[in-house]
């Protein structure tokens, strides 16, 4: 399960909303606790770029940071399932997809295997 602070998720949604209809991509920072991944923050990847139908960043530019748990990106179409391109460019332990409408918590998370992961929103800790 992914545990994420509702305010952290809302900030990612606002970023996606402000860039709509272009896709965005961010790095998810957190830690692993037993079978859960706890997301505490998000970061903009160096030289990250997004546009109509794509979002990417050069992985070789990332610093060594073991708190990076994966990525989150938007699908402005609202489709919350990963594309083949998404799965072929998977980075980290998990991938989250955020989609409209942006006024409610709406997202999905996946492992590299394509298995969907439940998301639970927690109050700020």
C-alpha atoms as a PDB file:
ATOM      1  CA  UNK A   1       0.000   0.000   0.000  1.00  0.00           C
ATOM      2  CA  UNK A   2       1.060   3.565  -0.604  1.00  0.00           C
ATOM      3  CA  UNK A   3       0.492   5.984   2.237  1.00  0.00           C
ATOM      4  CA  UNK A   4       0.608   9.614   1.179  1.00  0.00           C
ATOM      5  CA  UNK A   5      -0.201  12.801   3.013  1.00  0.00           C
ATOM      6  CA  UNK A   6      -3.323  14.343   1.477  1.00  0.00           C
ATOM      7  CA  UNK A   7      -1.626  17.787   1.341  1.00  0.00           C
ATOM      8  CA  UNK A   8       1.347  16.344  -0.551  1.00  0.00           C
ATOM      9  CA  UNK A   9      -0.985  14.693  -3.067  1.00  0.00           C
ATOM     10  CA  UNK A  10      -3.037  17.890  -3.394  1.00  0.00           C
ATOM     11  CA  UNK A  11       0.133  19.877  -4.166  1.00  0.00           C
ATOM     12  CA  UNK A  12       0.969  17.428  -6.979  1.00  0.00           C
ATOM     13  CA  UNK A  13      -2.590  17.793  -8.295  1.00  0.00           C
ATOM     14  CA  UNK A  14      -2.261  21.579  -8.292  1.00  0.00           C
ATOM     15  CA  UNK A  15       0.988  21.301 -10.253  1.00  0.00           C
ATOM     16  CA  UNK A  16      -0.762  19.013 -12.772  1.00  0.00           C
ATOM     17  CA  UNK A  17      -3.778  21.325 -12.973  1.00  0.00           C
ATOM     18  CA  UNK A  18      -1.578  24.386 -13.580  1.00  0.00           C
ATOM     19  CA  UNK A  19       0.148  22.607 -16.477  1.00  0.00           C
ATOM     20  CA  UNK A  20      -2.961  20.985 -17.983  1.00  0.00           C
ATOM     21  CA  UNK A  21      -3.189  19.848 -20.838  1.00  0.00           C
ATOM     22  CA  UNK A  22       0.576  19.204 -20.727  1.00  0.00           C
ATOM     23  CA  UNK A  23       1.787  16.223 -18.703  1.00  0.00           C
ATOM     24  CA  UNK A  24       3.966  16.729 -15.634  1.00  0.00           C
ATOM     25  CA  UNK A  25       6.425  14.416 -13.905  1.00  0.00           C
ATOM     26  CA  UNK A  26       7.778  14.531 -10.353  1.00  0.00           C
ATOM     27  CA  UNK A  27       9.927  12.358  -8.116  1.00  0.00           C
ATOM     28  CA  UNK A  28       8.310  10.820  -5.042  1.00  0.00           C
ATOM     29  CA  UNK A  29      10.328  11.021  -1.839  1.00  0.00           C
ATOM     30  CA  UNK A  30       9.640   8.801   1.130  1.00  0.00           C
ATOM     31  CA  UNK A  31      10.543   5.543   2.825  1.00  0.00           C
ATOM     32  CA  UNK A  32       9.611   1.909   2.925  1.00  0.00           C
ATOM     33  CA  UNK A  33       7.946   0.677   6.118  1.00  0.00           C
ATOM     34  CA  UNK A  34       7.323  -3.081   6.059  1.00  0.00           C
ATOM     35  CA  UNK A  35       4.945  -3.674   3.127  1.00  0.00           C
ATOM     36  CA  UNK A  36       4.026   0.003   2.774  1.00  0.00           C
ATOM     37  CA  UNK A  37       5.646   2.866   0.930  1.00  0.00           C
ATOM     38  CA  UNK A  38       5.197   6.154   2.748  1.00  0.00           C
ATOM     39  CA  UNK A  39       5.408   9.218   0.490  1.00  0.00           C
ATOM     40  CA  UNK A  40       6.370  12.357   2.406  1.00  0.00           C
ATOM     41  CA  UNK A  41       7.304  14.800  -0.340  1.00  0.00           C
ATOM     42  CA  UNK A  42       7.806  15.310  -4.069  1.00  0.00           C
ATOM     43  CA  UNK A  43      10.562  16.948  -6.071  1.00  0.00           C
ATOM     44  CA  UNK A  44      10.997  18.278  -9.567  1.00  0.00           C
ATOM     45  CA  UNK A  45      13.535  16.154 -11.437  1.00  0.00           C
ATOM     46  CA  UNK A  46      16.496  18.018 -12.930  1.00  0.00           C
ATOM     47  CA  UNK A  47      15.835  18.886 -16.571  1.00  0.00           C
ATOM     48  CA  UNK A  48      12.353  17.354 -16.386  1.00  0.00           C
ATOM     49  CA  UNK A  49      10.077  18.229 -19.269  1.00  0.00           C
ATOM     50  CA  UNK A  50       6.469  17.629 -20.165  1.00  0.00           C
ATOM     51  CA  UNK A  51       4.170  18.312 -23.044  1.00  0.00           C
ATOM     52  CA  UNK A  52       1.141  17.018 -24.886  1.00  0.00           C
ATOM     53  CA  UNK A  53       1.298  13.259 -24.387  1.00  0.00           C
ATOM     54  CA  UNK A  54       4.707  12.960 -22.702  1.00  0.00           C
ATOM     55  CA  UNK A  55       6.738  13.742 -19.594  1.00  0.00           C
ATOM     56  CA  UNK A  56      10.331  12.691 -18.989  1.00  0.00           C
ATOM     57  CA  UNK A  57      13.647  13.445 -17.347  1.00  0.00           C
ATOM     58  CA  UNK A  58      17.227  12.265 -17.887  1.00  0.00           C
ATOM     59  CA  UNK A  59      17.835   9.640 -15.180  1.00  0.00           C
ATOM     60  CA  UNK A  60      21.600  10.050 -15.471  1.00  0.00           C
ATOM     61  CA  UNK A  61      21.228  13.588 -14.075  1.00  0.00           C
ATOM     62  CA  UNK A  62      19.692  12.434 -10.787  1.00  0.00           C
ATOM     63  CA  UNK A  63      21.802  12.563  -7.639  1.00  0.00           C
ATOM     64  CA  UNK A  64      22.150   9.386  -5.587  1.00  0.00           C
ATOM     65  CA  UNK A  65      19.187   9.635  -3.236  1.00  0.00           C
ATOM     66  CA  UNK A  66      17.802   6.520  -1.593  1.00  0.00           C
ATOM     67  CA  UNK A  67      14.693   8.398  -0.458  1.00  0.00           C
ATOM     68  CA  UNK A  68      13.381   8.530  -4.045  1.00  0.00           C
ATOM     69  CA  UNK A  69      10.644   5.880  -4.103  1.00  0.00           C
ATOM     70  CA  UNK A  70       9.484   6.442  -7.667  1.00  0.00           C
ATOM     71  CA  UNK A  71       7.686   8.925  -9.884  1.00  0.00           C
ATOM     72  CA  UNK A  72       4.299  10.499 -10.355  1.00  0.00           C
ATOM     73  CA  UNK A  73       3.053  11.934 -13.605  1.00  0.00           C
ATOM     74  CA  UNK A  74      -0.203  13.227 -14.958  1.00  0.00           C
ATOM     75  CA  UNK A  75      -2.482  11.872 -17.642  1.00  0.00           C
ATOM     76  CA  UNK A  76      -4.513  14.923 -18.692  1.00  0.00           C
ATOM     77  CA  UNK A  77      -6.919  12.571 -20.506  1.00  0.00           C
ATOM     78  CA  UNK A  78      -8.031  11.261 -17.106  1.00  0.00           C
ATOM     79  CA  UNK A  79      -6.992   7.688 -17.913  1.00  0.00           C
ATOM     80  CA  UNK A  80      -5.296   6.332 -14.784  1.00  0.00           C
ATOM     81  CA  UNK A  81      -3.721   3.220 -16.289  1.00  0.00           C
ATOM     82  CA  UNK A  82      -0.081   3.161 -17.396  1.00  0.00           C
ATOM     83  CA  UNK A  83       0.830   3.060 -21.063  1.00  0.00           C
ATOM     84  CA  UNK A  84       3.496   0.756 -22.483  1.00  0.00           C
ATOM     85  CA  UNK A  85       5.811   3.778 -22.606  1.00  0.00           C
ATOM     86  CA  UNK A  86       5.133   4.454 -18.923  1.00  0.00           C
ATOM     87  CA  UNK A  87       6.034   0.872 -18.011  1.00  0.00           C
ATOM     88  CA  UNK A  88       9.150   0.876 -20.205  1.00  0.00           C
ATOM     89  CA  UNK A  89      10.428   4.051 -18.514  1.00  0.00           C
ATOM     90  CA  UNK A  90       9.617   3.013 -14.951  1.00  0.00           C
ATOM     91  CA  UNK A  91      11.946   4.529 -12.345  1.00  0.00           C
ATOM     92  CA  UNK A  92      12.060   3.493  -8.690  1.00  0.00           C
ATOM     93  CA  UNK A  93       9.734   1.235  -6.714  1.00  0.00           C
ATOM     94  CA  UNK A  94       6.386   2.780  -7.649  1.00  0.00           C
ATOM     95  CA  UNK A  95       4.672   4.947 -10.242  1.00  0.00           C
ATOM     96  CA  UNK A  96       1.667   7.142  -9.544  1.00  0.00           C
ATOM     97  CA  UNK A  97      -0.634   8.591 -12.182  1.00  0.00           C
ATOM     98  CA  UNK A  98      -2.702  11.694 -11.466  1.00  0.00           C
ATOM     99  CA  UNK A  99      -5.659  12.740 -13.579  1.00  0.00           C
ATOM    100  CA  UNK A 100      -8.520  15.202 -13.725  1.00  0.00           C
ATOM    101  CA  UNK A 101     -10.775  16.263 -12.194  1.00  0.00           C
ATOM    102  CA  UNK A 102      -8.214  17.915  -9.959  1.00  0.00           C
ATOM    103  CA  UNK A 103     -10.655  19.012  -7.249  1.00  0.00           C
ATOM    104  CA  UNK A 104     -10.804  15.532  -5.668  1.00  0.00           C
ATOM    105  CA  UNK A 105      -8.033  13.066  -4.770  1.00  0.00           C
ATOM    106  CA  UNK A 106      -7.827  11.048  -7.993  1.00  0.00           C
ATOM    107  CA  UNK A 107      -4.842   8.878  -8.740  1.00  0.00           C
ATOM    108  CA  UNK A 108      -3.571   5.343  -9.155  1.00  0.00           C
ATOM    109  CA  UNK A 109      -0.288   3.654  -8.285  1.00  0.00           C
ATOM    110  CA  UNK A 110       1.558   0.702  -9.790  1.00  0.00           C
ATOM    111  CA  UNK A 111       4.533  -1.573  -9.258  1.00  0.00           C
ATOM    112  CA  UNK A 112       6.930  -2.271 -12.134  1.00  0.00           C
ATOM    113  CA  UNK A 113       5.077  -5.564 -12.685  1.00  0.00           C
ATOM    114  CA  UNK A 114       1.969  -3.556 -13.616  1.00  0.00           C
ATOM    115  CA  UNK A 115       0.140  -4.602 -10.451  1.00  0.00           C
ATOM    116  CA  UNK A 116      -1.976  -1.790  -9.045  1.00  0.00           C
ATOM    117  CA  UNK A 117      -1.194  -0.637  -5.496  1.00  0.00           C
ATOM    118  CA  UNK A 118      -3.871   0.702  -3.142  1.00  0.00           C
ATOM    119  CA  UNK A 119      -3.397   4.345  -2.101  1.00  0.00           C
ATOM    120  CA  UNK A 120      -4.383   5.588   1.332  1.00  0.00           C
ATOM    121  CA  UNK A 121      -4.392   9.285   2.116  1.00  0.00           C
ATOM    122  CA  UNK A 122      -3.264  10.240   5.586  1.00  0.00           C
ATOM    123  CA  UNK A 123      -3.399  13.520   7.466  1.00  0.00           C
ATOM    124  CA  UNK A 124      -0.149  15.477   7.735  1.00  0.00           C
ATOM    125  CA  UNK A 125       2.218  13.948  10.262  1.00  0.00           C
END
